[in-house]
Protein backbone atom coordinates (compact mmCIF):
# COMPACT_ATOMS: atom_id res chain seq x y z
CA MET A 1 37.12 -40.84 -91.06
CA PRO A 2 35.57 -43.87 -93.07
CA ARG A 3 31.81 -43.45 -94.13
CA ILE A 4 29.34 -45.66 -92.64
CA ALA A 5 27.64 -47.91 -95.26
CA ALA A 6 23.97 -47.18 -95.56
CA GLN A 7 23.20 -50.93 -94.71
CA THR A 8 25.15 -50.69 -91.52
CA ASN A 9 23.43 -47.52 -90.46
CA ALA A 10 20.06 -48.92 -91.23
CA GLU A 11 20.83 -51.95 -89.16
CA GLN A 12 22.01 -49.61 -86.31
CA ARG A 13 18.79 -47.63 -86.45
CA GLU A 14 16.74 -50.92 -86.37
CA GLN A 15 18.66 -52.08 -83.37
CA THR A 16 18.14 -48.96 -81.47
CA GLN A 17 14.41 -48.83 -82.28
CA ARG A 18 14.14 -52.48 -81.09
CA LYS A 19 15.93 -51.44 -77.91
CA ILE A 20 13.49 -48.61 -77.34
CA LEU A 21 10.30 -50.67 -78.05
CA ASP A 22 11.60 -53.59 -75.89
CA ALA A 23 12.35 -51.14 -73.09
CA PHE A 24 8.92 -49.67 -73.42
CA GLY A 25 7.25 -53.08 -73.19
CA ASP A 26 9.31 -53.92 -70.02
CA LEU A 27 8.19 -50.62 -68.51
CA LEU A 28 4.52 -51.20 -69.39
CA PHE A 29 4.76 -54.67 -67.64
CA THR A 30 6.53 -53.55 -64.52
CA HIS A 31 5.15 -50.12 -63.98
CA GLY A 32 2.22 -49.61 -66.32
CA LEU A 33 1.38 -46.69 -68.63
CA PRO A 34 0.31 -43.87 -66.08
CA GLY A 35 3.32 -41.80 -65.25
CA LEU A 36 5.54 -43.39 -67.76
CA THR A 37 7.81 -40.76 -69.47
CA MET A 38 10.19 -40.81 -72.43
CA THR A 39 13.06 -40.37 -70.10
CA ASP A 40 12.00 -43.61 -68.31
CA VAL A 41 12.16 -45.37 -71.71
CA ALA A 42 15.43 -43.82 -72.65
CA ARG A 43 17.07 -44.98 -69.44
CA ARG A 44 15.78 -48.47 -69.61
CA ALA A 45 16.89 -48.74 -73.26
CA GLY A 46 20.36 -47.47 -72.53
CA VAL A 47 20.06 -44.68 -74.90
CA GLY A 48 19.83 -40.93 -74.91
CA ARG A 49 16.53 -39.07 -74.39
CA THR A 50 17.12 -37.17 -77.64
CA ALA A 51 17.61 -40.67 -79.49
CA VAL A 52 14.17 -41.74 -78.35
CA TYR A 53 12.73 -38.60 -79.80
CA ASN A 54 14.47 -39.26 -83.04
CA TYR A 55 12.28 -42.32 -83.59
CA PHE A 56 9.00 -41.23 -81.81
CA ALA A 57 7.55 -37.77 -81.35
CA ASP A 58 5.89 -38.54 -78.12
CA LEU A 59 4.57 -41.27 -75.83
CA GLU A 60 1.45 -41.93 -77.80
CA GLN A 61 3.39 -42.43 -81.06
CA LEU A 62 5.60 -44.91 -79.14
CA LEU A 63 2.71 -46.67 -77.67
CA VAL A 64 1.05 -47.18 -81.05
CA ALA A 65 4.38 -48.29 -82.54
CA TYR A 66 4.76 -50.91 -79.84
CA ALA A 67 1.15 -52.07 -80.12
CA LEU A 68 1.49 -52.43 -83.77
CA ASP A 69 4.85 -54.33 -83.45
CA GLU A 70 3.41 -56.74 -80.80
CA THR A 71 0.16 -57.44 -82.85
CA GLY A 72 1.94 -57.80 -86.06
CA ARG A 73 4.39 -60.47 -84.77
CA PHE A 74 1.61 -62.32 -83.00
CA LEU A 75 -0.40 -62.43 -86.26
CA ASN A 76 2.55 -63.66 -88.24
CA ASP A 77 3.24 -66.49 -85.74
CA LEU A 78 -0.44 -67.33 -85.69
CA LYS A 79 -0.93 -67.59 -89.24
CA ALA A 80 2.04 -69.66 -89.72
CA GLU A 81 0.77 -72.10 -87.02
CA LEU A 82 -2.71 -72.24 -88.49
CA ASN A 83 -1.39 -72.79 -91.94
CA GLY A 84 0.03 -76.29 -90.64
CA LEU A 85 -3.48 -77.57 -89.82
CA ASP A 86 -6.15 -78.82 -92.06
CA ASN A 87 -9.08 -79.31 -89.67
CA PRO A 88 -11.04 -76.00 -88.95
CA VAL A 89 -11.86 -77.25 -85.32
CA ASP A 90 -8.26 -77.85 -84.61
CA ARG A 91 -7.54 -74.54 -86.06
CA LEU A 92 -10.04 -72.96 -83.82
CA ALA A 93 -8.43 -74.58 -80.87
CA VAL A 94 -5.05 -73.11 -81.82
CA TYR A 95 -6.54 -69.65 -82.33
CA VAL A 96 -8.11 -69.84 -78.91
CA ARG A 97 -5.00 -71.01 -77.07
CA SER A 98 -2.67 -68.51 -78.98
CA GLN A 99 -4.97 -65.62 -78.24
CA ILE A 100 -5.25 -66.32 -74.33
CA GLN A 101 -1.49 -66.84 -74.14
CA ASP A 102 -0.83 -63.57 -75.96
CA LEU A 103 -3.33 -61.61 -73.98
CA ALA A 104 -2.27 -63.07 -70.72
CA ARG A 105 1.48 -62.00 -71.29
CA ARG A 106 0.84 -58.89 -73.26
CA HIS A 107 2.08 -55.51 -71.72
CA LEU A 108 -0.53 -53.56 -73.50
CA PRO A 109 -3.51 -51.89 -71.56
CA PRO A 110 -6.82 -53.33 -72.52
CA GLY A 111 -8.97 -51.80 -75.36
CA PRO A 112 -10.92 -49.33 -73.30
CA ALA A 113 -7.98 -48.04 -71.44
CA MET A 114 -6.10 -47.64 -74.89
CA ARG A 115 -9.04 -45.70 -76.26
CA SER A 116 -8.94 -43.40 -73.34
CA VAL A 117 -5.29 -42.42 -73.88
CA LEU A 118 -4.96 -42.49 -77.71
CA SER A 119 -6.37 -39.98 -80.25
CA PRO A 120 -9.02 -41.26 -82.52
CA ASP A 121 -6.52 -41.61 -85.47
CA SER A 122 -4.05 -43.43 -83.41
CA PHE A 123 -6.73 -45.83 -82.04
CA GLN A 124 -8.00 -46.43 -85.56
CA ARG A 125 -4.51 -47.62 -86.58
CA LEU A 126 -4.57 -50.22 -84.06
CA ALA A 127 -8.22 -51.28 -84.96
CA VAL A 128 -6.84 -52.43 -88.28
CA HIS A 129 -5.00 -55.36 -86.70
CA VAL A 130 -7.89 -56.20 -84.38
CA GLY A 131 -10.18 -56.42 -87.48
CA GLU A 132 -7.54 -58.65 -89.20
CA LEU A 133 -7.78 -61.03 -86.09
CA ASN A 134 -11.55 -60.98 -86.16
CA THR A 135 -11.61 -61.86 -89.84
CA LEU A 136 -9.15 -64.74 -89.26
CA LEU A 137 -11.54 -66.12 -86.63
CA GLN A 138 -14.62 -65.70 -88.79
CA ASP A 139 -12.84 -67.57 -91.64
CA ILE A 140 -12.02 -70.51 -89.34
CA LEU A 141 -15.76 -70.67 -88.15
CA ARG A 142 -16.93 -70.33 -91.77
CA ASP A 143 -14.67 -73.31 -92.92
CA ALA A 144 -15.87 -75.37 -90.10
CA MET A 145 -19.50 -74.79 -90.96
CA ASP A 146 -18.98 -75.27 -94.68
CA GLN A 147 -17.21 -78.62 -94.03
CA GLY A 148 -20.00 -79.71 -91.66
CA TYR A 149 -17.92 -79.64 -88.39
CA LEU A 150 -20.10 -76.88 -86.79
CA PRO A 151 -23.85 -76.02 -87.09
CA GLU A 152 -24.91 -73.10 -89.10
CA ALA A 153 -24.92 -69.92 -87.04
CA ASP A 154 -24.36 -66.12 -87.23
CA ILE A 155 -20.54 -66.03 -87.76
CA GLU A 156 -20.08 -62.36 -86.74
CA ALA A 157 -21.98 -62.73 -83.49
CA LEU A 158 -20.26 -65.95 -82.74
CA ALA A 159 -16.87 -64.39 -83.32
CA GLN A 160 -17.87 -61.52 -80.77
CA LEU A 161 -18.91 -63.97 -78.21
CA ILE A 162 -15.68 -65.89 -78.54
CA HIS A 163 -13.42 -62.82 -78.31
CA GLY A 164 -15.44 -61.77 -75.23
CA SER A 165 -14.57 -65.26 -73.62
CA LEU A 166 -11.03 -65.00 -74.60
CA THR A 167 -10.56 -61.42 -73.04
CA ALA A 168 -12.20 -62.72 -69.81
CA SER A 169 -10.12 -65.86 -69.65
CA ALA A 170 -6.83 -63.92 -70.25
CA SER A 171 -7.51 -61.26 -67.54
CA ARG A 172 -7.91 -64.06 -65.01
CA GLY A 173 -4.67 -65.72 -66.20
CA ARG A 174 -2.29 -62.79 -65.92
CA ASP A 175 -1.17 -63.54 -62.33
CA VAL A 176 -1.33 -67.34 -62.24
CA ALA A 177 1.51 -69.75 -62.64
CA ASP A 178 2.31 -71.21 -65.97
CA GLU A 179 0.99 -74.73 -65.10
CA ASP A 180 -2.19 -73.14 -63.91
CA LEU A 181 -2.49 -71.04 -66.96
CA GLU A 182 -2.27 -74.00 -69.11
CA GLU A 183 -5.12 -75.78 -67.25
CA LYS A 184 -7.27 -72.53 -67.70
CA ILE A 185 -6.36 -72.44 -71.39
CA GLY A 186 -7.48 -76.18 -71.77
CA VAL A 187 -10.65 -75.49 -70.04
CA THR A 188 -11.48 -72.52 -72.21
CA VAL A 189 -10.71 -74.29 -75.35
CA ARG A 190 -13.14 -77.09 -74.46
CA PHE A 191 -15.70 -74.47 -73.36
CA ILE A 192 -15.54 -72.54 -76.58
CA GLN A 193 -15.47 -75.68 -78.78
CA ALA A 194 -18.56 -77.06 -77.03
CA GLY A 195 -20.23 -73.69 -77.23
CA VAL A 196 -19.97 -73.41 -80.91
CA GLY A 197 -21.28 -77.04 -81.42
CA ALA A 198 -18.20 -79.07 -82.05
CA ALA A 199 -18.36 -82.95 -81.53
CA PHE A 200 -15.42 -85.26 -80.95
CA ASP A 201 -14.87 -89.01 -81.07
CA ASP A 202 -13.63 -91.13 -78.17
CA ASP A 203 -10.02 -90.15 -79.18
CA GLY A 204 -10.79 -86.35 -79.16
CA SER A 205 -10.66 -85.92 -82.86
CA PRO A 206 -13.27 -83.67 -84.62
CA LEU A 207 -16.43 -85.38 -85.94
CA LYS A 208 -18.52 -84.03 -88.76
CA LEU A 209 -22.11 -83.45 -87.66
CA GLY A 210 -25.05 -85.77 -88.52
């Protein structure tokens, strides 16, 4: 019997892991976390139950892996989009829009629910990505203030207020049609931009203050 090349074996493992993570995400969306089992995940992924345990020791480890994968991919896409923009007020709009879209479609339970089902160590692993998002938003706000597009303010407190608004807006957008979600996103973007003190000319381009 010919031996399987290491690269091929690695690719096969990666594909199987991807199937498991995708199946887990589908089940979170359709059934939610309560009552979900590794057997359910294996059945949805089309793999044996033992195969799931070869990658993840238990449901908590699978949940953490899925959350890290989802958040990591979102961060990479968001950073790539932000890097194409120079104006910090425009970057803030992209951040707000992307966050609402992601939170509205994401299959993950909200933060408090995650904390209730995860061990402190697992929850702390997820907090690393949350902290990275917070830093990204604070950097956008700081650039906008430094360049004169926003009035000086407590950046940390402002970021907390913005994230609170995003979570509330996303929770209201989970069960609405795509066109209605777009309208809600537009309203939220304008609300947050106005709330942080941004100004615009008649064409909608950001203006430097005074």
